[in-house]
């Protein structure tokens, strides 16, 4: 049985630095959380740093009573689930094709795809294109444009190339075609990389507000992040208007608006934070793909 290594002064310094970094990273989240649970009128007095001074759930009650927020939540959940599943499956399917070095035009498609990682069409041409093909004010604008990601395809391709070729050869000898091999053999063996890409897509779909701001005008189709963005923007505009009018003071409605924004931020962030621990073990393994050669 080996002797435990004694900690040196350097170890304590490194631990102290890491704790300081953790505190700086997590405190804004904690500050938002405690303010959202504090009474709105009391919070404006300031002096709240670590715990709520006057506990209140009024902001959360208002959040869940707003039908617009509930609808936005449903839209966000649907786009996250449907968009992630379709994007992972479609990107994996393309990555599996590109993992075959004998595919016709492989080199050309790789060069063409790499260029799209650095250069895009621009916002206005993209907006015109989406409007002409009927994606404006359409739920499919969350799904179709994100079906394929070239960077994620490269990750899939690298993983598939490391799988033993004998698996496919034996399956073909048993009469399986490429589709059956992909669905019944390749996908079950690829859960670490699938979980990693699903996490990438899921977090992006959940946090994306820009798509809703640009391409969605119908309030019933906006996701929760777009709703939150417009809520913050309208509150900021109202505060600026009061200041320009003579700085009469912050009204009770504005105080409630600030508390409501904080509660909405907590409600919109909590689900994706809860999902992360379940995918973390796959995420670590999936990120190591391609970095270790056997």
Protein backbone atom coordinates (compact mmCIF):
# COMPACT_ATOMS: atom_id res chain seq x y z
CA UNK A 1 0.00 0.00 0.00
CA UNK A 2 1.59 3.23 -1.12
CA UNK A 3 1.98 6.25 1.07
CA UNK A 4 -0.29 9.20 0.43
CA UNK A 5 1.49 12.05 -1.28
CA UNK A 6 1.73 15.13 0.92
CA UNK A 7 0.37 18.32 -0.57
CA UNK A 8 2.88 21.01 -1.31
CA UNK A 9 2.47 24.79 -1.16
CA UNK A 10 2.08 24.79 -4.94
CA UNK A 11 -0.89 22.42 -4.67
CA UNK A 12 -2.64 24.78 -2.25
CA UNK A 13 -1.96 27.75 -4.55
CA UNK A 14 -3.37 25.91 -7.57
CA UNK A 15 -6.44 24.80 -5.59
CA UNK A 16 -6.96 28.38 -4.43
CA UNK A 17 -6.75 29.69 -7.99
CA UNK A 18 -9.19 27.04 -9.23
CA UNK A 19 -11.65 27.86 -6.43
CA UNK A 20 -11.41 31.56 -7.31
CA UNK A 21 -12.11 30.81 -10.99
CA UNK A 22 -15.09 28.62 -10.02
CA UNK A 23 -16.46 31.39 -7.79
CA UNK A 24 -16.08 34.05 -10.50
CA UNK A 25 -17.77 31.76 -13.04
CA UNK A 26 -20.67 30.65 -10.86
CA UNK A 27 -21.45 33.78 -8.85
CA UNK A 28 -23.35 35.60 -11.66
CA UNK A 29 -25.62 32.57 -11.98
CA UNK A 30 -26.13 32.42 -8.21
CA UNK A 31 -26.75 36.20 -8.08
CA UNK A 32 -29.43 35.93 -10.76
CA UNK A 33 -31.02 33.02 -8.88
CA UNK A 34 -31.24 34.75 -5.49
CA UNK A 35 -32.55 37.99 -7.00
CA UNK A 36 -35.26 36.06 -8.84
CA UNK A 37 -36.40 34.60 -5.50
CA UNK A 38 -36.32 37.98 -3.72
CA UNK A 39 -39.24 40.38 -3.49
CA UNK A 40 -39.09 42.75 -6.49
CA UNK A 41 -39.64 45.97 -4.51
CA UNK A 42 -37.10 44.93 -1.88
CA UNK A 43 -34.46 43.88 -4.46
CA UNK A 44 -34.25 47.40 -5.92
CA UNK A 45 -32.83 48.65 -2.59
CA UNK A 46 -29.66 46.64 -3.26
CA UNK A 47 -27.41 44.98 -0.68
CA UNK A 48 -28.31 41.41 -1.69
CA UNK A 49 -25.22 39.32 -2.37
CA UNK A 50 -25.52 35.69 -1.24
CA UNK A 51 -29.06 34.92 -0.02
CA UNK A 52 -32.55 36.36 -0.68
CA UNK A 53 -33.42 39.00 1.93
CA UNK A 54 -37.19 38.79 1.46
CA UNK A 55 -38.19 35.50 -0.09
CA UNK A 56 -40.94 35.69 -2.72
CA UNK A 57 -42.20 33.40 -5.50
CA UNK A 58 -44.32 36.12 -7.12
CA UNK A 59 -42.01 36.42 -10.17
CA UNK A 60 -42.24 32.70 -10.89
CA UNK A 61 -46.00 32.76 -10.43
CA UNK A 62 -46.21 35.50 -13.07
CA UNK A 63 -43.89 33.58 -15.40
CA UNK A 64 -46.03 30.44 -15.40
CA UNK A 65 -49.29 32.41 -15.64
CA UNK A 66 -48.19 34.02 -18.90
CA UNK A 67 -49.60 31.93 -21.76
CA UNK A 68 -47.04 33.41 -24.16
CA UNK A 69 -44.19 31.97 -22.08
CA UNK A 70 -45.87 28.56 -21.91
CA UNK A 71 -46.34 28.55 -25.70
CA UNK A 72 -42.72 29.66 -26.20
CA UNK A 73 -41.59 26.85 -23.91
CA UNK A 74 -43.50 24.27 -25.97
CA UNK A 75 -41.98 25.63 -29.20
CA UNK A 76 -38.49 25.47 -27.66
CA UNK A 77 -38.93 21.89 -26.46
CA UNK A 78 -40.29 20.78 -29.85
CA UNK A 79 -37.52 22.45 -31.87
CA UNK A 80 -34.86 21.09 -29.51
CA UNK A 81 -36.09 17.49 -29.63
CA UNK A 82 -37.07 17.33 -33.31
CA UNK A 83 -34.15 19.44 -34.53
CA UNK A 84 -31.58 17.46 -32.53
CA UNK A 85 -32.86 14.04 -33.60
CA UNK A 86 -33.07 14.94 -37.29
CA UNK A 87 -29.74 16.79 -37.32
CA UNK A 88 -27.84 13.98 -35.57
CA UNK A 89 -29.31 11.27 -37.81
CA UNK A 90 -28.80 13.20 -41.07
CA UNK A 91 -25.28 14.37 -40.19
CA UNK A 92 -24.30 10.86 -39.05
CA UNK A 93 -25.64 9.41 -42.30
CA UNK A 94 -23.52 11.83 -44.37
CA UNK A 95 -20.51 11.21 -42.12
CA UNK A 96 -20.87 7.47 -42.65
CA UNK A 97 -20.83 8.01 -46.43
CA UNK A 98 -17.74 10.21 -46.21
CA UNK A 99 -15.96 7.62 -44.06
CA UNK A 100 -15.70 5.48 -47.21
CA UNK A 101 -12.62 6.69 -49.01
CA UNK A 102 -13.74 5.22 -52.33
CA UNK A 103 -16.87 7.40 -52.60
CA UNK A 104 -16.99 9.34 -55.87
CA UNK A 105 -16.10 13.05 -55.50
CA UNK A 106 -15.07 12.64 -51.86
CA UNK A 107 -12.16 15.08 -52.14
CA UNK A 108 -14.23 17.71 -53.97
CA UNK A 109 -17.03 17.58 -51.41
CA UNK A 110 -14.54 17.85 -48.54
CA UNK A 111 -12.96 20.98 -50.05
CA UNK A 112 -16.39 22.44 -50.83
CA UNK A 113 -17.61 21.76 -47.28
CA UNK A 114 -14.46 23.17 -45.68
CA UNK A 115 -14.97 26.46 -47.55
CA UNK A 116 -18.48 26.77 -46.08
CA UNK A 117 -16.97 26.59 -42.58
CA UNK A 118 -15.23 29.92 -43.16
CA UNK A 119 -17.48 31.76 -45.65
CA UNK A 120 -21.27 32.15 -45.56
CA UNK A 121 -23.84 33.69 -47.87
CA UNK A 122 -24.61 36.62 -45.57
CA UNK A 123 -27.73 37.56 -43.64
CA UNK A 124 -29.70 39.32 -46.39
CA UNK A 125 -29.27 36.62 -49.10
CA UNK A 126 -30.11 33.97 -46.50
CA UNK A 127 -33.23 35.87 -45.43
CA UNK A 128 -34.38 36.23 -49.05
CA UNK A 129 -33.74 32.54 -49.70
CA UNK A 130 -35.63 31.39 -46.61
CA UNK A 131 -38.57 33.66 -47.45
CA UNK A 132 -38.74 32.47 -51.05
CA UNK A 133 -38.81 28.81 -50.06
CA UNK A 134 -41.50 29.41 -47.43
CA UNK A 135 -39.49 29.18 -44.22
CA UNK A 136 -40.41 32.67 -43.00
CA UNK A 137 -42.89 32.42 -40.13
CA UNK A 138 -42.66 28.64 -40.41
CA UNK A 139 -41.65 26.19 -37.67
CA UNK A 140 -39.46 24.35 -40.19
CA UNK A 141 -36.99 27.26 -40.13
CA UNK A 142 -35.73 25.77 -36.86
CA UNK A 143 -35.31 22.30 -38.37
CA UNK A 144 -34.28 22.32 -42.05
CA UNK A 145 -31.32 24.78 -42.01
CA UNK A 146 -29.75 22.96 -39.05
CA UNK A 147 -30.13 19.45 -40.45
CA UNK A 148 -26.48 19.31 -41.49
CA UNK A 149 -23.33 20.68 -39.89
CA UNK A 150 -20.02 20.09 -41.65
CA UNK A 151 -17.91 20.29 -38.48
CA UNK A 152 -20.07 17.67 -36.77
CA UNK A 153 -19.89 15.56 -39.92
CA UNK A 154 -16.08 15.50 -39.65
CA UNK A 155 -16.35 14.24 -36.06
CA UNK A 156 -18.73 11.48 -37.17
CA UNK A 157 -16.49 10.58 -40.12
CA UNK A 158 -13.39 10.30 -37.91
CA UNK A 159 -15.23 8.01 -35.51
CA UNK A 160 -16.65 5.75 -38.22
CA UNK A 161 -13.22 5.32 -39.83
CA UNK A 162 -11.88 3.87 -36.56
CA UNK A 163 -14.51 1.11 -36.45
CA UNK A 164 -13.22 -2.34 -37.56
CA UNK A 165 -13.89 -2.95 -41.26
CA UNK A 166 -14.52 -6.62 -40.49
CA UNK A 167 -17.89 -5.74 -38.90
CA UNK A 168 -19.31 -4.47 -42.17
CA UNK A 169 -17.72 -7.22 -44.23
CA UNK A 170 -19.24 -9.95 -42.08
CA UNK A 171 -22.63 -8.18 -42.12
CA UNK A 172 -22.52 -7.99 -45.94
CA UNK A 173 -21.70 -11.70 -46.11
CA UNK A 174 -24.89 -12.27 -44.10
CA UNK A 175 -26.87 -10.28 -46.68
CA UNK A 176 -27.19 -6.88 -44.97
CA UNK A 177 -27.21 -3.77 -47.17
CA UNK A 178 -25.64 -0.39 -46.34
CA UNK A 179 -28.81 1.02 -44.72
CA UNK A 180 -29.24 -2.01 -42.46
CA UNK A 181 -25.56 -1.92 -41.49
CA UNK A 182 -25.77 1.77 -40.65
CA UNK A 183 -28.96 1.52 -38.58
CA UNK A 184 -28.39 -1.81 -36.79
CA UNK A 185 -24.59 -1.92 -36.40
CA UNK A 186 -22.96 1.49 -36.80
CA UNK A 187 -25.41 3.59 -34.78
CA UNK A 188 -25.50 1.28 -31.71
CA UNK A 189 -21.68 1.28 -31.67
CA UNK A 190 -21.52 5.07 -31.94
CA UNK A 191 -23.40 6.17 -28.81
CA UNK A 192 -20.50 8.27 -27.37
CA UNK A 193 -20.16 10.41 -30.50
CA UNK A 194 -23.94 10.54 -31.01
CA UNK A 195 -24.43 11.76 -27.42
CA UNK A 196 -21.71 14.37 -27.90
CA UNK A 197 -23.16 15.75 -31.13
CA UNK A 198 -26.68 15.57 -29.65
CA UNK A 199 -25.47 17.69 -26.73
CA UNK A 200 -23.92 20.23 -29.13
CA UNK A 201 -27.15 20.43 -31.14
CA UNK A 202 -29.46 20.38 -28.14
CA UNK A 203 -27.69 23.23 -26.36
CA UNK A 204 -27.57 25.28 -29.57
CA UNK A 205 -31.25 24.68 -30.33
CA UNK A 206 -32.23 25.58 -26.76
CA UNK A 207 -30.14 28.76 -26.58
CA UNK A 208 -30.69 30.07 -30.11
CA UNK A 209 -32.70 33.28 -30.16
CA UNK A 210 -31.39 34.80 -33.39
CA UNK A 211 -33.41 32.56 -35.72
CA UNK A 212 -36.63 33.56 -34.00
CA UNK A 213 -35.74 37.26 -34.08
CA UNK A 214 -34.96 37.30 -37.81
CA UNK A 215 -37.32 34.76 -39.35
CA UNK A 216 -40.31 34.60 -36.97
CA UNK A 217 -42.94 37.31 -36.63
CA UNK A 218 -45.78 35.14 -35.31
CA UNK A 219 -45.70 35.21 -31.48
CA UNK A 220 -47.05 31.66 -31.32
CA UNK A 221 -43.92 30.35 -33.10
CA UNK A 222 -41.23 32.20 -31.15
CA UNK A 223 -39.00 30.12 -28.82
CA UNK A 224 -38.44 31.06 -25.20
CA UNK A 225 -35.03 32.63 -25.85
CA UNK A 226 -36.49 34.96 -28.47
CA UNK A 227 -39.28 35.87 -26.05
CA UNK A 228 -36.67 36.60 -23.38
CA UNK A 229 -34.60 38.69 -25.80
CA UNK A 230 -37.63 40.80 -26.76
CA UNK A 231 -38.62 41.12 -23.09
CA UNK A 232 -35.17 42.44 -22.16
CA UNK A 233 -35.05 44.74 -25.19
CA UNK A 234 -38.48 46.23 -24.46
CA UNK A 235 -37.62 46.74 -20.77
CA UNK A 236 -34.36 48.46 -21.69
CA UNK A 237 -36.21 50.73 -24.12
CA UNK A 238 -38.78 51.60 -21.44
CA UNK A 239 -36.04 52.42 -18.92
CA UNK A 240 -34.29 54.64 -21.47
CA UNK A 241 -37.58 56.41 -22.23
CA UNK A 242 -38.14 57.16 -18.52
CA UNK A 243 -34.58 58.50 -18.26
CA UNK A 244 -35.02 60.73 -21.29
CA UNK A 245 -38.35 61.99 -19.95
CA UNK A 246 -36.67 63.42 -16.85
CA UNK A 247 -35.51 60.53 -14.67
CA UNK A 248 -38.67 60.51 -12.58
CA UNK A 249 -37.57 57.22 -11.05
CA UNK A 250 -38.02 53.58 -11.61
CA UNK A 251 -41.64 52.64 -11.58
CA UNK A 252 -43.10 49.60 -9.87
CA UNK A 253 -43.88 48.08 -13.24
CA UNK A 254 -40.22 48.34 -14.27
CA UNK A 255 -39.07 46.75 -11.01
CA UNK A 256 -41.49 43.87 -11.61
CA UNK A 257 -40.24 43.63 -15.17
CA UNK A 258 -36.65 43.23 -13.96
CA UNK A 259 -37.65 40.55 -11.49
CA UNK A 260 -39.71 38.82 -14.17
CA UNK A 261 -36.72 38.80 -16.55
CA UNK A 262 -34.51 37.18 -13.91
CA UNK A 263 -37.12 34.53 -13.16
CA UNK A 264 -37.54 33.85 -16.87
CA UNK A 265 -33.76 33.47 -17.26
CA UNK A 266 -33.69 30.90 -14.47
CA UNK A 267 -36.65 28.97 -15.89
CA UNK A 268 -35.17 28.91 -19.40
CA UNK A 269 -31.68 27.87 -18.27
CA UNK A 270 -32.60 25.20 -15.73
CA UNK A 271 -33.79 22.42 -18.14
CA UNK A 272 -30.60 22.34 -20.23
CA UNK A 273 -28.48 22.41 -17.06
CA UNK A 274 -30.41 19.39 -15.73
CA UNK A 275 -29.83 17.43 -18.96
CA UNK A 276 -26.07 17.95 -19.04
CA UNK A 277 -25.05 15.56 -16.17
CA UNK A 278 -26.78 12.63 -17.93
CA UNK A 279 -24.73 13.20 -21.12
CA UNK A 280 -21.46 14.25 -19.46
CA UNK A 281 -19.89 10.77 -19.39
CA UNK A 282 -20.58 10.34 -23.13
CA UNK A 283 -19.45 13.90 -23.78
CA UNK A 284 -15.95 13.35 -22.31
CA UNK A 285 -15.47 10.12 -24.26
CA UNK A 286 -16.82 11.62 -27.47
CA UNK A 287 -14.50 14.63 -27.30
CA UNK A 288 -11.48 12.29 -27.21
CA UNK A 289 -12.45 10.76 -30.55
CA UNK A 290 -9.57 11.00 -32.99
CA UNK A 291 -7.08 12.20 -30.39
CA UNK A 292 -5.90 8.68 -29.42
CA UNK A 293 -4.59 6.32 -32.05
CA UNK A 294 -4.54 2.60 -31.28
